């Protein structure tokens, strides 16, 4: 067993035990209006690659199969009285804190929180990672997502058929997922964003019916000592940190050092639509990513979109939560569980060159299109198995020949 795996297993066991002991101690001291709950998520993935997965002498990165944990997370949730609640969450696989906050619900229907929080952006990104219809989020949603989380403030609420959420955070220095470098000096960058949804139809009479629309926006400042190292899209699989197929342009270099202060700020907006009709469901999103250059570096503009649909063969429906404008897993109604088939098409364009920007090291600038076929087995409310087949096509804007990669992936998930 590798040392890294041993450390993860040990940390998981110790953290689980300490959380269990803590919850018993806290439960013994709190009043009847308080409660403590332990939750967790374990996702174990296996994947193999085909097509042009081997780089050979035409490309730069091999796609190597294998198995690994995708997520191992533990959380303690509870309330202090009728108005105050909290969550303490830790990602054991990535060895970092997850969303951890203190919340207040005394301004009903508005709920406020302070702590380590995420920015609400888009339907796919705001759905729980345990409730996704496919193993991974669409490549567009993944590439254009805000920094995962940071210390800040968050608020959400709902009125009738409308839900709304907004956040202001200082992203962690190692959470610049939109590829801004991790170097910080004179000031901390900050991010702010919000999401608004409406469900004009949300009915369970005779057949489950949902019609959902939404929009989101986020804004990110950039420290003057940061440089832009590019956006990237991978073929909708994360096993063993699968490499990207296409990438955007990057900051140039002088004397072996990346040039800083090339980005003023970034903003991203997106539109979403979704629906449920009995066992059938569908959703889609369009996102636009703007990077505003500085010191002679021009603005950059990228876009992407996806559509997906699913059908539950055993007749159940996907869950929908109007208060947050999100979707959940299928709840099985029979002993054989619930079985669902799904298909998705995603397209992302990272081909914009602008002025003074340079090609990525691998000359991978271009567009990527993905077809994903999925089969989900919801054994019960806690256990789910997923199989995904992905065909990812890279259309390069450089002299590099185009590339097609096939992915065969399986996930075993337990949520408690």
Protein backbone atom coordinates (compact mmCIF):
# COMPACT_ATOMS: atom_id res chain seq x y z
CA UNK A 1 0.00 0.00 0.00
CA UNK A 2 1.33 3.43 -0.96
CA UNK A 3 2.14 5.82 1.89
CA UNK A 4 -0.36 8.39 0.55
CA UNK A 5 -3.18 5.81 0.58
CA UNK A 6 -2.20 4.65 4.08
CA UNK A 7 -2.36 8.23 5.34
CA UNK A 8 -5.80 8.70 3.78
CA UNK A 9 -7.18 5.49 5.30
CA UNK A 10 -5.77 6.36 8.71
CA UNK A 11 -7.10 9.91 8.56
CA UNK A 12 -10.50 8.63 7.51
CA UNK A 13 -10.68 6.19 10.44
CA UNK A 14 -9.45 8.70 13.01
CA UNK A 15 -11.70 11.49 11.74
CA UNK A 16 -14.75 9.21 11.68
CA UNK A 17 -14.07 8.03 15.22
CA UNK A 18 -13.46 11.56 16.55
CA UNK A 19 -16.61 12.88 14.88
CA UNK A 20 -18.64 10.02 16.34
CA UNK A 21 -17.31 10.67 19.84
CA UNK A 22 -17.84 14.41 19.45
CA UNK A 23 -21.44 13.97 18.33
CA UNK A 24 -22.22 11.75 21.34
CA UNK A 25 -20.65 14.26 23.72
CA UNK A 26 -22.47 17.18 22.16
CA UNK A 27 -25.77 15.33 22.07
CA UNK A 28 -25.50 14.68 25.78
CA UNK A 29 -25.12 18.40 26.53
CA UNK A 30 -27.54 20.14 24.16
CA UNK A 31 -31.20 20.80 24.79
CA UNK A 32 -34.14 19.11 23.10
CA UNK A 33 -34.28 21.90 20.50
CA UNK A 34 -30.75 21.06 19.32
CA UNK A 35 -29.46 18.15 17.28
CA UNK A 36 -26.19 16.88 15.83
CA UNK A 37 -25.88 14.75 12.71
CA UNK A 38 -22.87 13.07 11.05
CA UNK A 39 -22.81 12.78 7.28
CA UNK A 40 -20.34 11.65 4.70
CA UNK A 41 -19.67 10.80 1.08
CA UNK A 42 -17.34 8.19 -0.42
CA UNK A 43 -16.92 7.90 -4.18
CA UNK A 44 -14.62 5.20 -5.59
CA UNK A 45 -13.85 5.43 -9.31
CA UNK A 46 -12.34 3.12 -11.91
CA UNK A 47 -11.61 4.14 -15.51
CA UNK A 48 -10.00 2.89 -18.69
CA UNK A 49 -9.17 4.80 -21.89
CA UNK A 50 -9.29 4.00 -25.57
CA UNK A 51 -9.16 5.71 -28.93
CA UNK A 52 -6.12 7.98 -29.15
CA UNK A 53 -5.40 7.83 -25.42
CA UNK A 54 -1.69 7.15 -26.02
CA UNK A 55 0.19 10.32 -26.89
CA UNK A 56 2.66 8.67 -29.24
CA UNK A 57 4.73 11.27 -31.11
CA UNK A 58 1.74 13.48 -32.02
CA UNK A 59 0.48 14.64 -28.62
CA UNK A 60 1.95 15.38 -25.20
CA UNK A 61 -0.15 13.61 -22.54
CA UNK A 62 -1.09 9.96 -22.09
CA UNK A 63 -4.42 9.02 -20.51
CA UNK A 64 -3.75 6.23 -18.01
CA UNK A 65 -6.49 4.12 -16.46
CA UNK A 66 -6.79 2.82 -12.92
CA UNK A 67 -8.76 3.37 -9.74
CA UNK A 68 -8.83 6.04 -7.07
CA UNK A 69 -11.04 7.85 -4.59
CA UNK A 70 -12.88 10.74 -6.24
CA UNK A 71 -14.21 12.10 -2.96
CA UNK A 72 -13.96 11.10 0.70
CA UNK A 73 -15.80 13.68 2.80
CA UNK A 74 -17.10 13.85 6.34
CA UNK A 75 -19.31 16.49 7.94
CA UNK A 76 -20.97 17.33 11.24
CA UNK A 77 -24.21 19.29 10.94
CA UNK A 78 -26.47 20.59 13.64
CA UNK A 79 -28.44 23.43 15.10
CA UNK A 80 -27.93 25.41 18.30
CA UNK A 81 -31.54 26.54 18.60
CA UNK A 82 -34.41 27.33 16.24
CA UNK A 83 -32.42 30.04 14.43
CA UNK A 84 -28.74 29.06 14.47
CA UNK A 85 -27.17 26.10 12.67
CA UNK A 86 -23.69 25.02 11.60
CA UNK A 87 -21.64 22.64 9.48
CA UNK A 88 -18.08 21.39 9.91
CA UNK A 89 -16.89 19.55 6.77
CA UNK A 90 -13.54 18.07 5.80
CA UNK A 91 -12.36 16.56 2.51
CA UNK A 92 -10.12 13.66 3.50
CA UNK A 93 -9.03 12.77 -0.03
CA UNK A 94 -7.79 16.30 -0.75
CA UNK A 95 -6.80 16.88 2.90
CA UNK A 96 -8.54 20.26 3.14
CA UNK A 97 -11.55 21.89 4.76
CA UNK A 98 -14.79 21.86 2.83
CA UNK A 99 -17.75 24.23 3.34
CA UNK A 100 -17.67 25.00 7.08
CA UNK A 101 -19.98 27.71 8.37
CA UNK A 102 -22.21 29.20 11.05
CA UNK A 103 -25.69 30.03 9.77
CA UNK A 104 -28.63 32.12 10.95
CA UNK A 105 -32.22 31.65 9.81
CA UNK A 106 -34.01 34.19 11.96
CA UNK A 107 -34.85 36.42 8.97
CA UNK A 108 -37.13 33.88 7.31
CA UNK A 109 -37.17 33.27 4.35
CA UNK A 110 -33.59 34.63 4.22
CA UNK A 111 -30.77 32.42 5.53
CA UNK A 112 -27.31 33.90 6.19
CA UNK A 113 -23.94 32.27 6.83
CA UNK A 114 -20.32 33.17 7.54
CA UNK A 115 -17.32 30.86 7.21
CA UNK A 116 -15.78 28.82 4.41
CA UNK A 117 -18.35 29.03 1.62
CA UNK A 118 -18.87 28.55 -2.12
CA UNK A 119 -20.13 30.94 -4.80
CA UNK A 120 -23.45 29.90 -6.39
CA UNK A 121 -22.85 29.53 -10.12
CA UNK A 122 -24.94 27.52 -12.57
CA UNK A 123 -27.11 24.44 -12.18
CA UNK A 124 -24.41 21.77 -12.53
CA UNK A 125 -22.01 23.49 -10.15
CA UNK A 126 -24.72 24.14 -7.56
CA UNK A 127 -26.10 20.59 -7.60
CA UNK A 128 -24.54 18.36 -4.96
CA UNK A 129 -21.65 16.23 -6.25
CA UNK A 130 -23.47 13.19 -4.81
CA UNK A 131 -26.59 13.91 -6.92
CA UNK A 132 -25.10 14.41 -10.40
CA UNK A 133 -26.69 12.51 -13.27
CA UNK A 134 -23.21 11.71 -14.60
CA UNK A 135 -19.98 10.94 -12.75
CA UNK A 136 -18.54 14.36 -13.57
CA UNK A 137 -19.98 17.76 -14.29
CA UNK A 138 -20.09 18.92 -17.90
CA UNK A 139 -16.71 20.17 -19.13
CA UNK A 140 -18.11 23.69 -19.61
CA UNK A 141 -19.35 23.91 -16.01
CA UNK A 142 -16.07 22.49 -14.73
CA UNK A 143 -13.78 24.82 -16.71
CA UNK A 144 -15.73 28.02 -15.97
CA UNK A 145 -16.51 27.31 -12.32
CA UNK A 146 -15.59 29.86 -9.61
CA UNK A 147 -12.85 29.10 -7.06
CA UNK A 148 -14.16 26.16 -5.05
CA UNK A 149 -14.63 28.01 -1.76
CA UNK A 150 -13.19 30.69 0.48
CA UNK A 151 -13.73 32.63 3.66
CA UNK A 152 -16.65 35.01 3.36
CA UNK A 153 -20.39 35.62 3.58
CA UNK A 154 -23.35 33.87 1.99
CA UNK A 155 -27.10 34.40 1.81
CA UNK A 156 -29.99 32.52 0.23
CA UNK A 157 -33.75 32.53 0.27
CA UNK A 158 -36.91 31.68 -1.61
CA UNK A 159 -40.26 33.36 -2.23
CA UNK A 160 -43.00 31.40 -3.92
CA UNK A 161 -41.59 29.93 -7.12
CA UNK A 162 -38.33 31.94 -6.94
CA UNK A 163 -35.03 31.08 -5.25
CA UNK A 164 -31.97 33.32 -4.90
CA UNK A 165 -28.45 32.99 -3.50
CA UNK A 166 -25.34 35.20 -3.35
CA UNK A 167 -21.86 35.08 -1.81
CA UNK A 168 -18.78 37.23 -1.27
CA UNK A 169 -15.57 35.32 -0.51
CA UNK A 170 -11.80 35.62 -0.35
CA UNK A 171 -10.69 32.46 -2.22
CA UNK A 172 -8.03 30.27 -0.65
CA UNK A 173 -4.62 30.73 -2.17
CA UNK A 174 -4.57 27.12 -3.38
CA UNK A 175 -8.10 27.20 -4.80
CA UNK A 176 -7.63 29.23 -7.97
CA UNK A 177 -9.40 26.68 -10.15
CA UNK A 178 -9.82 29.13 -13.00
CA UNK A 179 -6.06 28.86 -13.47
CA UNK A 180 -4.87 32.10 -11.94
CA UNK A 181 -1.48 31.44 -10.36
CA UNK A 182 -1.20 30.74 -6.64
CA UNK A 183 1.22 33.63 -5.98
CA UNK A 184 -0.22 36.43 -3.82
CA UNK A 185 1.55 39.45 -2.39
CA UNK A 186 0.14 42.95 -2.10
CA UNK A 187 -3.56 42.21 -1.75
CA UNK A 188 -5.98 39.31 -1.60
CA UNK A 189 -8.29 38.82 -4.57
CA UNK A 190 -11.97 38.42 -3.88
CA UNK A 191 -14.93 36.90 -5.67
CA UNK A 192 -18.64 37.64 -5.60
CA UNK A 193 -21.54 36.03 -7.38
CA UNK A 194 -25.21 35.21 -7.34
CA UNK A 195 -27.83 32.91 -8.83
CA UNK A 196 -31.55 33.43 -9.42
CA UNK A 197 -34.01 30.67 -10.39
CA UNK A 198 -37.72 30.35 -11.03
CA UNK A 199 -39.87 27.23 -11.32
CA UNK A 200 -43.20 28.24 -12.88
CA UNK A 201 -44.24 24.58 -12.85
CA UNK A 202 -43.55 22.33 -9.88
CA UNK A 203 -46.29 19.76 -9.45
CA UNK A 204 -46.64 16.19 -8.19
CA UNK A 205 -50.26 15.66 -9.23
CA UNK A 206 -50.62 12.34 -11.13
CA UNK A 207 -47.15 12.79 -12.71
CA UNK A 208 -44.10 14.72 -11.51
CA UNK A 209 -43.74 17.94 -13.53
CA UNK A 210 -41.05 20.62 -13.19
CA UNK A 211 -40.10 23.54 -15.41
CA UNK A 212 -37.03 25.43 -14.21
CA UNK A 213 -35.17 28.52 -15.48
CA UNK A 214 -32.20 30.34 -13.98
CA UNK A 215 -29.30 32.69 -14.42
CA UNK A 216 -26.03 33.30 -12.57
CA UNK A 217 -23.08 35.66 -12.55
CA UNK A 218 -19.76 35.90 -10.75
CA UNK A 219 -16.97 38.46 -10.65
CA UNK A 220 -13.36 37.88 -9.58
CA UNK A 221 -10.63 40.39 -8.94
CA UNK A 222 -7.01 39.48 -9.65
CA UNK A 223 -3.94 40.36 -7.65
CA UNK A 224 -1.34 42.41 -9.54
CA UNK A 225 1.30 39.76 -8.82
CA UNK A 226 -0.70 36.96 -10.40
CA UNK A 227 -0.37 35.68 -13.95
CA UNK A 228 -2.80 33.78 -16.14
CA UNK A 229 -1.77 30.16 -16.71
CA UNK A 230 -4.78 29.22 -18.80
CA UNK A 231 -8.17 27.49 -18.74
CA UNK A 232 -8.43 23.79 -19.48
CA UNK A 233 -11.08 21.22 -20.40
CA UNK A 234 -10.70 17.52 -19.69
CA UNK A 235 -12.80 14.68 -21.19
CA UNK A 236 -15.31 14.65 -18.29
CA UNK A 237 -13.38 12.20 -16.15
CA UNK A 238 -11.19 12.94 -13.13
CA UNK A 239 -9.49 9.61 -12.48
CA UNK A 240 -5.85 10.07 -11.49
CA UNK A 241 -6.07 13.75 -12.46
CA UNK A 242 -6.75 12.99 -16.12
CA UNK A 243 -4.99 15.58 -18.31
CA UNK A 244 -6.79 18.24 -20.32
CA UNK A 245 -7.50 17.79 -24.01
CA UNK A 246 -7.74 21.50 -24.87
CA UNK A 247 -6.36 24.60 -23.17
CA UNK A 248 -6.50 28.37 -23.61
CA UNK A 249 -3.66 30.80 -24.24
CA UNK A 250 -1.41 31.72 -21.31
CA UNK A 251 0.77 34.59 -20.07
CA UNK A 252 4.15 34.97 -21.72
CA UNK A 253 7.50 34.58 -19.95
CA UNK A 254 10.58 36.76 -19.49
CA UNK A 255 13.84 35.18 -18.32
CA UNK A 256 11.99 32.01 -17.39
CA UNK A 257 9.44 33.82 -15.22
CA UNK A 258 5.76 34.27 -16.05
CA UNK A 259 4.73 37.90 -16.61
CA UNK A 260 2.47 39.14 -13.80
CA UNK A 261 -0.25 41.81 -13.79
CA UNK A 262 -1.73 40.73 -17.13
CA UNK A 263 -5.33 40.36 -15.89
CA UNK A 264 -7.54 43.12 -14.50
CA UNK A 265 -10.59 41.05 -13.57
CA UNK A 266 -12.77 38.13 -14.69
CA UNK A 267 -16.51 37.78 -14.96
CA UNK A 268 -18.70 34.86 -15.99
CA UNK A 269 -22.42 34.67 -16.65
CA UNK A 270 -24.65 31.72 -17.42
CA UNK A 271 -28.21 30.76 -18.33
CA UNK A 272 -29.88 27.48 -17.43
CA UNK A 273 -33.11 25.59 -18.16
CA UNK A 274 -34.36 22.22 -16.94
CA UNK A 275 -37.47 20.12 -16.66
CA UNK A 276 -38.98 16.90 -15.38
CA UNK A 277 -41.95 15.00 -16.79
CA UNK A 278 -42.45 11.79 -14.85
CA UNK A 279 -39.42 9.54 -15.43
CA UNK A 280 -38.00 11.88 -18.09
CA UNK A 281 -35.69 14.80 -17.25
CA UNK A 282 -33.62 17.28 -19.25
CA UNK A 283 -31.37 20.25 -18.58
CA UNK A 284 -28.97 22.57 -20.35
CA UNK A 285 -26.72 25.56 -19.72
CA UNK A 286 -24.84 28.22 -21.67
CA UNK A 287 -21.90 30.06 -20.11
CA UNK A 288 -19.76 32.98 -21.21
CA UNK A 289 -16.33 33.65 -19.68
CA UNK A 290 -14.69 37.09 -20.01
CA UNK A 291 -11.11 37.88 -19.01
CA UNK A 292 -10.19 41.57 -19.06
CA UNK A 293 -6.52 42.04 -19.87
CA UNK A 294 -4.07 44.54 -18.48
CA UNK A 295 -0.76 46.15 -19.52
CA UNK A 296 -1.15 45.52 -23.23
CA UNK A 297 -2.75 42.10 -22.90
CA UNK A 298 -6.09 42.08 -24.71
CA UNK A 299 -9.43 40.84 -23.41
CA UNK A 300 -10.24 37.16 -23.89
CA UNK A 301 -13.66 35.64 -24.46
CA UNK A 302 -14.64 31.99 -24.12
CA UNK A 303 -17.95 30.12 -24.18
CA UNK A 304 -19.46 26.69 -23.73
CA UNK A 305 -22.76 24.87 -23.46
CA UNK A 306 -24.26 21.46 -22.84
CA UNK A 307 -27.59 19.64 -23.00
CA UNK A 308 -28.46 16.39 -21.27
CA UNK A 309 -31.47 14.15 -20.80
CA UNK A 310 -32.29 11.10 -18.71
CA UNK A 311 -35.02 8.50 -18.36
CA UNK A 312 -35.71 6.38 -15.28
CA UNK A 313 -36.49 2.89 -16.58
CA UNK A 314 -38.23 1.83 -13.36
CA UNK A 315 -40.67 4.76 -13.47
CA UNK A 316 -39.48 7.04 -10.65
CA UNK A 317 -38.56 10.72 -11.08
CA UNK A 318 -35.52 12.80 -10.21
CA UNK A 319 -35.88 14.92 -7.10
CA UNK A 320 -36.25 18.70 -7.39
CA UNK A 321 -35.76 21.21 -4.57
CA UNK A 322 -37.48 24.48 -5.41
CA UNK A 323 -36.05 26.27 -2.35
CA UNK A 324 -32.54 26.04 -3.86
CA UNK A 325 -33.32 25.43 -7.53
CA UNK A 326 -31.37 22.16 -7.59
CA UNK A 327 -31.93 18.52 -8.50
CA UNK A 328 -31.37 15.39 -6.43
CA UNK A 329 -31.03 11.64 -6.85
CA UNK A 330 -33.84 9.29 -7.77
CA UNK A 331 -35.53 7.63 -4.75
CA UNK A 332 -36.12 3.92 -5.52
CA UNK A 333 -39.63 2.57 -5.00
CA UNK A 334 -38.93 -1.15 -5.40
CA UNK A 335 -36.61 -3.89 -4.20
CA UNK A 336 -34.49 -3.80 -7.37
CA UNK A 337 -33.74 -0.11 -6.88
CA UNK A 338 -34.12 2.53 -9.59
CA UNK A 339 -32.39 2.35 -12.98
CA UNK A 340 -31.72 5.39 -15.13
CA UNK A 341 -30.17 5.96 -18.57
CA UNK A 342 -28.81 9.36 -19.61
CA UNK A 343 -27.06 11.11 -22.49
CA UNK A 344 -25.18 14.43 -22.63
CA UNK A 345 -23.50 16.57 -25.28
CA UNK A 346 -21.04 19.31 -24.28
CA UNK A 347 -19.11 21.83 -26.38
CA UNK A 348 -16.51 24.31 -25.11
CA UNK A 349 -14.49 26.84 -27.10
CA UNK A 350 -11.10 27.92 -25.72
CA UNK A 351 -9.68 29.06 -29.05
CA UNK A 352 -9.55 32.86 -28.56
CA UNK A 353 -5.95 34.13 -28.92
CA UNK A 354 -6.26 37.86 -28.21
CA UNK A 355 -3.10 39.99 -28.38
CA UNK A 356 0.25 39.34 -26.65
CA UNK A 357 -0.97 36.05 -25.14
CA UNK A 358 1.01 32.94 -26.12
CA UNK A 359 0.09 29.36 -26.92
CA UNK A 360 0.06 26.86 -24.02
CA UNK A 361 3.18 24.71 -23.74
CA UNK A 362 1.39 21.76 -25.37
CA UNK A 363 -0.14 23.80 -28.24
CA UNK A 364 -3.53 22.49 -27.10
CA UNK A 365 -5.58 25.63 -27.78
CA UNK A 366 -8.89 24.83 -29.44
CA UNK A 367 -12.39 23.42 -29.00
CA UNK A 368 -13.64 20.25 -27.34
CA UNK A 369 -16.87 18.30 -27.84
CA UNK A 370 -17.99 15.41 -25.62
CA UNK A 371 -20.70 12.77 -25.90
CA UNK A 372 -21.43 10.98 -22.63
CA UNK A 373 -23.70 7.96 -22.12
CA UNK A 374 -24.63 7.02 -18.56
CA UNK A 375 -26.29 4.19 -16.69
CA UNK A 376 -27.20 4.76 -13.01
CA UNK A 377 -28.37 2.22 -10.46
CA UNK A 378 -29.86 3.75 -7.31
CA UNK A 379 -29.76 0.79 -4.93
CA UNK A 380 -31.39 2.79 -2.12
CA UNK A 381 -31.22 6.34 -0.75
CA UNK A 382 -27.58 5.87 0.26
CA UNK A 383 -25.90 3.69 -2.36
CA UNK A 384 -25.51 4.45 -6.08
CA UNK A 385 -23.50 2.87 -8.90
CA UNK A 386 -22.71 4.71 -12.15
CA UNK A 387 -21.25 3.71 -15.51
CA UNK A 388 -20.18 6.36 -18.03
CA UNK A 389 -18.90 6.10 -21.58
CA UNK A 390 -17.39 9.34 -22.92
CA UNK A 391 -16.17 10.16 -26.41
CA UNK A 392 -14.17 13.39 -26.34
CA UNK A 393 -13.09 15.09 -29.56
CA UNK A 394 -10.45 17.83 -29.56
CA UNK A 395 -10.39 20.26 -32.50
CA UNK A 396 -7.09 22.11 -32.18
CA UNK A 397 -6.59 25.63 -33.55
CA UNK A 398 -2.84 25.04 -33.79
CA UNK A 399 -0.85 22.75 -36.09
CA UNK A 400 -1.39 19.79 -33.76
CA UNK A 401 -3.58 17.01 -35.27
CA UNK A 402 -7.06 16.61 -33.80
CA UNK A 403 -7.54 13.88 -31.19
CA UNK A 404 -10.34 11.56 -30.01
CA UNK A 405 -10.27 9.84 -26.60
CA UNK A 406 -12.73 7.21 -25.35
CA UNK A 407 -13.40 6.83 -21.62
CA UNK A 408 -14.99 3.87 -19.80
CA UNK A 409 -15.64 4.72 -16.16
CA UNK A 410 -17.45 3.16 -13.16
CA UNK A 411 -18.25 4.68 -9.77
CA UNK A 412 -19.42 3.16 -6.48
CA UNK A 413 -20.90 5.78 -4.14
CA UNK A 414 -22.15 5.68 -0.58
CA UNK A 415 -23.71 8.70 1.10
CA UNK A 416 -24.76 8.76 4.74
